[in-house]
Amino acid sequence: MKIPSILHSSYRNPPTIARLGDINLKVSSYGVRPVNYSVVDIFRHPDYKPPAKYNDIALLKLDRRVEFNEFIRPACLYTSNTFDVNKAVATGWGKTDFGKRAFCFTSDIIVK
């Protein structure tokens, strides 16, 4: 099983564990049951050139199949530059703004 990841964080310090199904990095609550998977290989985008954020994606190969549940769902990755939807949702941890203000706003709880 392979899962997507940002590349800039794995370029110098490759991840060894992928934790799926968690929504808070500091507190284990909310009724979730996160599962840790070992990362056995990393497939980096061939056009990624740090420190730029273009093509900032990698796939992580995990040690076993992922079992989906209420908190662990597959991600859909488009294979075309265009798609006919007018609304999208992005989730993740980290910066919640751009530019100079981005350093002030970070999140330990998953943001939607």
N, C-alpha and C. Protein backbone atom coordinates (compact mmCIF):
# COMPACT_ATOMS: atom_id res chain seq x y z
N MET A 1 0.85 -1.17 0.00
CA MET A 1 0.00 0.00 0.00
C MET A 1 0.89 1.23 0.00
N LYS A 2 0.54 2.25 -0.80
CA LYS A 2 1.28 3.50 -0.85
C LYS A 2 0.35 4.64 -0.45
N ILE A 3 0.87 5.60 0.31
CA ILE A 3 0.09 6.76 0.71
C ILE A 3 0.83 8.03 0.31
N PRO A 4 0.10 9.14 0.01
CA PRO A 4 0.77 10.39 -0.35
C PRO A 4 1.33 11.10 0.86
N SER A 5 2.37 11.89 0.64
CA SER A 5 3.00 12.68 1.69
C SER A 5 3.63 13.91 1.07
N ILE A 6 3.82 14.96 1.87
CA ILE A 6 4.58 16.10 1.37
C ILE A 6 6.04 15.69 1.32
N LEU A 7 6.76 16.22 0.36
CA LEU A 7 8.13 15.80 0.14
C LEU A 7 9.14 16.60 0.95
N HIS A 8 8.90 17.91 1.15
CA HIS A 8 9.93 18.72 1.79
C HIS A 8 10.25 18.24 3.20
N SER A 9 9.29 17.66 3.90
CA SER A 9 9.58 17.18 5.25
C SER A 9 10.30 15.84 5.26
N SER A 10 10.25 15.11 4.15
CA SER A 10 10.91 13.80 4.12
C SER A 10 12.23 13.82 3.37
N TYR A 11 12.60 14.99 2.85
CA TYR A 11 13.81 15.04 2.02
C TYR A 11 15.07 14.82 2.84
N ARG A 12 15.18 15.50 3.97
CA ARG A 12 16.37 15.36 4.82
C ARG A 12 16.20 14.34 5.93
N ASN A 13 14.98 14.21 6.44
CA ASN A 13 14.68 13.27 7.53
C ASN A 13 13.57 12.34 7.09
N PRO A 14 13.89 11.29 6.37
CA PRO A 14 12.86 10.39 5.86
C PRO A 14 12.03 9.78 6.99
N PRO A 15 10.71 9.72 6.81
CA PRO A 15 9.86 9.12 7.84
C PRO A 15 10.08 7.61 7.92
N THR A 16 9.95 7.08 9.11
CA THR A 16 10.04 5.63 9.31
C THR A 16 8.70 5.05 9.70
N ILE A 17 7.78 5.91 10.15
CA ILE A 17 6.44 5.47 10.57
C ILE A 17 5.41 6.41 9.96
N ALA A 18 4.31 5.86 9.48
CA ALA A 18 3.16 6.64 9.03
C ALA A 18 2.02 6.31 9.99
N ARG A 19 1.48 7.33 10.64
CA ARG A 19 0.37 7.14 11.57
C ARG A 19 -0.91 7.56 10.87
N LEU A 20 -1.83 6.62 10.72
CA LEU A 20 -3.08 6.89 10.02
C LEU A 20 -4.25 6.88 11.01
N GLY A 21 -5.22 7.73 10.74
CA GLY A 21 -6.45 7.74 11.53
C GLY A 21 -6.39 8.61 12.77
N ASP A 22 -5.40 9.49 12.87
CA ASP A 22 -5.31 10.37 14.03
C ASP A 22 -5.78 11.76 13.64
N ILE A 23 -6.36 12.50 14.60
CA ILE A 23 -6.82 13.85 14.29
C ILE A 23 -6.19 14.90 15.21
N ASN A 24 -5.40 14.48 16.19
CA ASN A 24 -4.75 15.43 17.09
C ASN A 24 -3.36 14.89 17.40
N LEU A 25 -2.33 15.70 17.14
CA LEU A 25 -0.96 15.24 17.31
C LEU A 25 -0.53 15.15 18.77
N LYS A 26 -1.25 15.83 19.67
CA LYS A 26 -0.82 15.87 21.07
C LYS A 26 -1.69 15.06 22.01
N VAL A 27 -2.95 14.86 21.67
CA VAL A 27 -3.89 14.19 22.57
C VAL A 27 -4.54 13.02 21.85
N SER A 28 -4.53 11.86 22.45
CA SER A 28 -5.24 10.72 21.88
C SER A 28 -6.63 10.67 22.49
N SER A 29 -7.56 11.23 21.77
CA SER A 29 -8.94 11.25 22.25
C SER A 29 -9.87 11.26 21.04
N TYR A 30 -11.03 11.79 21.20
CA TYR A 30 -12.03 11.89 20.14
C TYR A 30 -12.50 10.52 19.67
N GLY A 31 -12.21 9.46 20.41
CA GLY A 31 -12.67 8.13 20.04
C GLY A 31 -11.96 7.50 18.86
N VAL A 32 -10.83 8.08 18.44
CA VAL A 32 -10.11 7.52 17.30
C VAL A 32 -9.17 6.41 17.76
N ARG A 33 -8.82 5.55 16.83
CA ARG A 33 -7.88 4.47 17.09
C ARG A 33 -6.81 4.51 16.00
N PRO A 34 -5.83 5.41 16.14
CA PRO A 34 -4.80 5.51 15.10
C PRO A 34 -3.97 4.24 14.99
N VAL A 35 -3.45 4.00 13.81
CA VAL A 35 -2.65 2.80 13.54
C VAL A 35 -1.31 3.25 12.95
N ASN A 36 -0.22 2.71 13.46
CA ASN A 36 1.12 3.01 12.93
C ASN A 36 1.51 1.95 11.91
N TYR A 37 2.09 2.42 10.81
CA TYR A 37 2.61 1.55 9.77
C TYR A 37 4.07 1.90 9.55
N SER A 38 4.90 0.92 9.30
CA SER A 38 6.31 1.18 8.99
C SER A 38 6.43 1.61 7.53
N VAL A 39 7.26 2.62 7.29
CA VAL A 39 7.54 3.08 5.92
C VAL A 39 8.71 2.26 5.40
N VAL A 40 8.49 1.54 4.30
CA VAL A 40 9.54 0.68 3.76
C VAL A 40 10.22 1.27 2.52
N ASP A 41 9.58 2.28 1.90
CA ASP A 41 10.20 2.93 0.74
C ASP A 41 9.52 4.27 0.51
N ILE A 42 10.25 5.19 -0.12
CA ILE A 42 9.73 6.52 -0.44
C ILE A 42 9.94 6.77 -1.92
N PHE A 43 8.87 7.16 -2.61
CA PHE A 43 8.92 7.47 -4.03
C PHE A 43 8.72 8.98 -4.18
N ARG A 44 9.81 9.70 -4.38
CA ARG A 44 9.79 11.16 -4.48
C ARG A 44 9.44 11.60 -5.90
N HIS A 45 8.73 12.72 -6.01
CA HIS A 45 8.42 13.27 -7.34
C HIS A 45 9.74 13.63 -8.02
N PRO A 46 9.97 13.16 -9.24
CA PRO A 46 11.26 13.38 -9.90
C PRO A 46 11.57 14.84 -10.21
N ASP A 47 10.54 15.71 -10.26
CA ASP A 47 10.77 17.13 -10.57
C ASP A 47 10.82 18.02 -9.33
N TYR A 48 10.86 17.44 -8.15
CA TYR A 48 10.94 18.25 -6.94
C TYR A 48 12.35 18.81 -6.80
N LYS A 49 12.44 20.13 -6.60
CA LYS A 49 13.73 20.81 -6.44
C LYS A 49 13.66 21.71 -5.20
N PRO A 50 14.14 21.24 -4.05
CA PRO A 50 14.07 22.06 -2.84
C PRO A 50 14.90 23.33 -3.01
N PRO A 51 14.52 24.44 -2.39
CA PRO A 51 13.46 24.59 -1.40
C PRO A 51 12.10 24.93 -1.99
N ALA A 52 11.93 24.92 -3.31
CA ALA A 52 10.63 25.23 -3.92
C ALA A 52 9.58 24.23 -3.45
N LYS A 53 8.33 24.65 -3.46
CA LYS A 53 7.22 23.79 -3.05
C LYS A 53 6.49 23.15 -4.23
N TYR A 54 6.96 23.42 -5.46
CA TYR A 54 6.35 22.78 -6.62
C TYR A 54 6.71 21.30 -6.64
N ASN A 55 5.76 20.47 -7.05
CA ASN A 55 5.95 19.01 -7.10
C ASN A 55 6.36 18.45 -5.73
N ASP A 56 5.89 19.08 -4.68
CA ASP A 56 6.23 18.72 -3.30
C ASP A 56 5.34 17.57 -2.83
N ILE A 57 5.58 16.39 -3.40
CA ILE A 57 4.78 15.23 -3.05
C ILE A 57 5.64 13.97 -3.16
N ALA A 58 5.31 13.02 -2.33
CA ALA A 58 5.96 11.71 -2.38
C ALA A 58 4.92 10.66 -2.04
N LEU A 59 5.18 9.44 -2.43
CA LEU A 59 4.36 8.31 -2.01
C LEU A 59 5.18 7.48 -1.04
N LEU A 60 4.55 7.10 0.06
CA LEU A 60 5.21 6.26 1.05
C LEU A 60 4.68 4.84 0.92
N LYS A 61 5.57 3.89 0.71
CA LYS A 61 5.17 2.49 0.67
C LYS A 61 5.19 1.96 2.09
N LEU A 62 4.07 1.36 2.49
CA LEU A 62 3.93 0.87 3.86
C LEU A 62 4.19 -0.63 3.93
N ASP A 63 4.43 -1.11 5.14
CA ASP A 63 4.80 -2.50 5.35
C ASP A 63 3.65 -3.49 5.18
N ARG A 64 2.41 -2.99 5.16
CA ARG A 64 1.26 -3.89 5.02
C ARG A 64 0.07 -3.10 4.49
N ARG A 65 -0.97 -3.83 4.10
CA ARG A 65 -2.20 -3.21 3.60
C ARG A 65 -2.85 -2.39 4.70
N VAL A 66 -3.43 -1.27 4.30
CA VAL A 66 -4.15 -0.41 5.24
C VAL A 66 -5.59 -0.91 5.35
N GLU A 67 -6.06 -1.03 6.57
CA GLU A 67 -7.46 -1.39 6.80
C GLU A 67 -8.25 -0.10 7.02
N PHE A 68 -9.20 0.18 6.11
CA PHE A 68 -9.99 1.39 6.19
C PHE A 68 -11.05 1.28 7.28
N ASN A 69 -11.36 2.42 7.90
CA ASN A 69 -12.41 2.49 8.91
C ASN A 69 -12.97 3.90 8.89
N GLU A 70 -13.71 4.28 9.93
CA GLU A 70 -14.34 5.60 9.99
C GLU A 70 -13.31 6.74 9.91
N PHE A 71 -12.09 6.53 10.42
CA PHE A 71 -11.08 7.58 10.46
C PHE A 71 -9.97 7.40 9.43
N ILE A 72 -9.89 6.26 8.80
CA ILE A 72 -8.87 6.00 7.78
C ILE A 72 -9.58 5.74 6.46
N ARG A 73 -9.45 6.71 5.52
CA ARG A 73 -10.12 6.63 4.23
C ARG A 73 -9.09 6.85 3.12
N PRO A 74 -9.35 6.35 1.92
CA PRO A 74 -8.42 6.57 0.81
C PRO A 74 -8.46 8.01 0.31
N ALA A 75 -7.36 8.47 -0.25
CA ALA A 75 -7.29 9.78 -0.89
C ALA A 75 -7.42 9.59 -2.39
N CYS A 76 -8.11 10.49 -3.05
CA CYS A 76 -8.24 10.43 -4.50
C CYS A 76 -7.26 11.42 -5.12
N LEU A 77 -6.36 10.93 -5.93
CA LEU A 77 -5.38 11.77 -6.60
C LEU A 77 -5.75 11.87 -8.07
N TYR A 78 -5.91 13.09 -8.56
CA TYR A 78 -6.30 13.29 -9.95
C TYR A 78 -5.13 13.01 -10.89
N THR A 79 -5.46 12.51 -12.05
CA THR A 79 -4.44 12.23 -13.07
C THR A 79 -4.50 13.25 -14.20
N SER A 80 -5.38 14.24 -14.09
CA SER A 80 -5.54 15.27 -15.09
C SER A 80 -5.31 16.64 -14.46
N ASN A 81 -4.95 17.62 -15.27
CA ASN A 81 -4.76 18.99 -14.77
C ASN A 81 -6.08 19.70 -14.52
N THR A 82 -7.17 19.18 -15.03
CA THR A 82 -8.48 19.79 -14.85
C THR A 82 -9.45 18.77 -14.28
N PHE A 83 -10.43 19.27 -13.56
CA PHE A 83 -11.51 18.42 -13.06
C PHE A 83 -12.75 19.28 -12.94
N ASP A 84 -13.91 18.67 -13.10
CA ASP A 84 -15.14 19.44 -13.13
C ASP A 84 -15.91 19.37 -11.81
N VAL A 85 -15.28 19.89 -10.78
CA VAL A 85 -15.95 20.13 -9.50
C VAL A 85 -15.68 21.58 -9.14
N ASN A 86 -16.60 22.19 -8.42
CA ASN A 86 -16.41 23.59 -8.07
C ASN A 86 -16.12 23.78 -6.58
N LYS A 87 -15.95 22.68 -5.87
CA LYS A 87 -15.66 22.78 -4.44
C LYS A 87 -14.74 21.63 -4.05
N ALA A 88 -13.74 21.93 -3.24
CA ALA A 88 -12.81 20.90 -2.79
C ALA A 88 -12.50 21.13 -1.31
N VAL A 89 -12.10 20.07 -0.62
CA VAL A 89 -11.74 20.16 0.79
C VAL A 89 -10.32 19.63 0.95
N ALA A 90 -9.49 20.39 1.63
CA ALA A 90 -8.13 19.96 1.95
C ALA A 90 -8.00 19.83 3.46
N THR A 91 -7.30 18.81 3.91
CA THR A 91 -7.10 18.62 5.34
C THR A 91 -5.63 18.41 5.62
N GLY A 92 -5.22 18.72 6.84
CA GLY A 92 -3.84 18.48 7.21
C GLY A 92 -3.43 19.26 8.44
N TRP A 93 -2.17 19.06 8.85
CA TRP A 93 -1.60 19.77 9.98
C TRP A 93 -0.63 20.81 9.45
N GLY A 94 -0.25 21.74 10.31
CA GLY A 94 0.81 22.66 9.93
C GLY A 94 0.33 24.07 9.74
N LYS A 95 0.92 24.76 8.77
CA LYS A 95 0.62 26.16 8.52
C LYS A 95 -0.81 26.33 8.02
N THR A 96 -1.46 27.38 8.52
CA THR A 96 -2.83 27.65 8.12
C THR A 96 -2.97 28.98 7.40
N ASP A 97 -1.86 29.57 6.97
CA ASP A 97 -1.89 30.83 6.26
C ASP A 97 -0.67 30.91 5.36
N PHE A 98 -0.59 31.95 4.54
CA PHE A 98 0.53 32.12 3.63
C PHE A 98 1.36 33.33 4.01
N GLY A 99 2.57 33.41 3.48
CA GLY A 99 3.42 34.58 3.65
C GLY A 99 3.94 34.74 5.05
N LYS A 100 4.13 35.99 5.46
CA LYS A 100 4.72 36.29 6.76
C LYS A 100 3.86 35.78 7.91
N ARG A 101 2.54 35.83 7.75
CA ARG A 101 1.64 35.39 8.82
C ARG A 101 1.68 33.87 9.03
N ALA A 102 2.16 33.12 8.06
CA ALA A 102 2.12 31.66 8.14
C ALA A 102 2.89 31.13 9.34
N PHE A 103 3.91 31.84 9.79
CA PHE A 103 4.70 31.36 10.91
C PHE A 103 3.97 31.51 12.23
N CYS A 104 2.90 32.29 12.26
CA CYS A 104 2.14 32.52 13.49
C CYS A 104 1.04 31.50 13.70
N PHE A 105 0.58 30.88 12.64
CA PHE A 105 -0.58 30.00 12.73
C PHE A 105 -0.20 28.57 12.37
N THR A 106 -0.05 27.72 13.36
CA THR A 106 0.18 26.31 13.11
C THR A 106 -0.85 25.53 13.92
N SER A 107 -1.05 24.29 13.56
CA SER A 107 -2.10 23.51 14.20
C SER A 107 -1.56 22.12 14.57
N ASP A 108 -1.91 21.68 15.78
CA ASP A 108 -1.64 20.31 16.20
C ASP A 108 -2.86 19.43 15.99
N ILE A 109 -3.99 20.05 15.65
CA ILE A 109 -5.24 19.34 15.40
C ILE A 109 -5.49 19.42 13.90
N ILE A 110 -5.98 18.34 13.34
CA ILE A 110 -6.21 18.33 11.89
C ILE A 110 -7.19 19.43 11.53
N VAL A 111 -6.88 20.15 10.45
CA VAL A 111 -7.67 21.29 10.01
C VAL A 111 -8.35 20.92 8.70
N LYS A 112 -9.62 21.30 8.57
CA LYS A 112 -10.38 21.02 7.35
C LYS A 112 -10.78 22.32 6.71
